[in-house]
């Protein structure tokens, strides 16, 4: 999920209000934009039926250091079924003897009967939110949903078709170790690449697998920068670590300005979802009038298939809005007034809301001992410190990286969006795509309309062109794999090339 570090934070009281929603998490009663840090009011429970498999393929590793990370997964507290062995712990971000910064990982081999040809990395966002949220409540083999008294087995785990490693990063997140010192995504990607060098030196047999990087929310920043670092590694680095990066899968991600992804679409969204939000007609009309006066509707009016030219974005596509044009905060305040349990990550939630067990679970001393981080103490789903120096991520939006990635990755990029998400809007994704030029043309030439089907039922729509696939998912919020687990697994399988949409 995303972290409230995305929502526009007013930094100036002048007529022009500067926003840097990527960085400063809103602290207080509302939420934080964490595609990884939903509050107890932001989740609901689903309990997949357990799978009866009891025998698993167990990989072996030639480096004896791998044994230091071995986890008897079946010994996890509250787990009452057999799980395959996994490997977890911390590794440094470089091979320097003085290196004090370490990232935490939890690697699970596929639960298939034999070795998988794939290795998938999963990242949550924030910035500063733990990928263990994805593990425990979205796509891992153990599902522990809000309101549940114990975990259950997740039959829709992504480990059913691929090896998966959930990685907490950057430094300052979750069980990681060290003092955060990065200023931007280039530095984050350098540290992540350094971690991968250490990871594959211990688990060298995994380096030959087909590699995919997946994640959500602010990982829409992380993933393209990390992928670019891997693809553009030096000849010496590639010779030492020849990774076979295949493709990317990012849901409800941050790719462009928050003008585009939040401010411009919010009035349109409010009108389309008026009944669910509990908005009055006058509230919807007020937002629409402001969208017109602020020039937001003009941007939407330029959306066409195929594009008719570049879409004009305000303020050079920077997150600066004039006084009175911060429609998003108005939207949030009114939605919360209409529903005291309003969940910006999934607008269909109503009171009462269940408690979320994740922080209690990973704060348990017995869990920490099993994961080789004994005595860590209280674990937070999202960091209580800035993971970028001064809380400022100075990076260009990742839409600038997509043309290179789409021209280079064998299996391209898949972006998908849950239509019940209100922290980022699907219309913002469409604007970003239609304003993007890649592989010889601008935007999609045809609008996304192809039905997304699962077992004969329509779950959304999608479209693919020139190595980019875009999907919109019905009845899903910011965390698609939590809200639609069977569909999420189906889409993941399609990304791996195991099936088609």
Foldseek 3Di string as FASTA:
>chain_A
DAFQCQAFDFPDPDQKTAGDSVFDFDDDDFTTTWLFDFALLAFDDDADAADDDADADDDDAPFPVQVVFKFLVCPAPQRDGHDDIKGKDWDFLAPDPPTWWIKIKIKDAARDRDGALEEEEEEIPHPFFFLVSCQAQFAHQWHDTFPDPGIHGDPLHLSNHGIYMYIGDDGQHWLITDDFEAQALLVRLSSVVSNVLRVCVRRVVNLSGAYEYEYEAQCLRNVLSNVVCLVPPDPVSCVSRVHNYAEYEYEHYFFAACCLFAQLCQLVLCVVCVVLLVHDPVVSVVSVVLNVVQVSVVQVVQQDAQGPAARDDPPVRRRMGGPPRSVRVVSSVSSCVRAVSAHLQFRNRHPDGGHGCVQVSCQDQVNCVSNVNHPPHGTDSGGPDQSHVVRHHPDHGNLVSQQVQLVPRNQAYEYEYECRHNVTHPSSVSSSQSNHDHDHGGHHNDDWDQFDDDPRDGFWTWDDDSNYIYTYGYQGGRRRSNRPVVSVSVVVCVSVVNDND
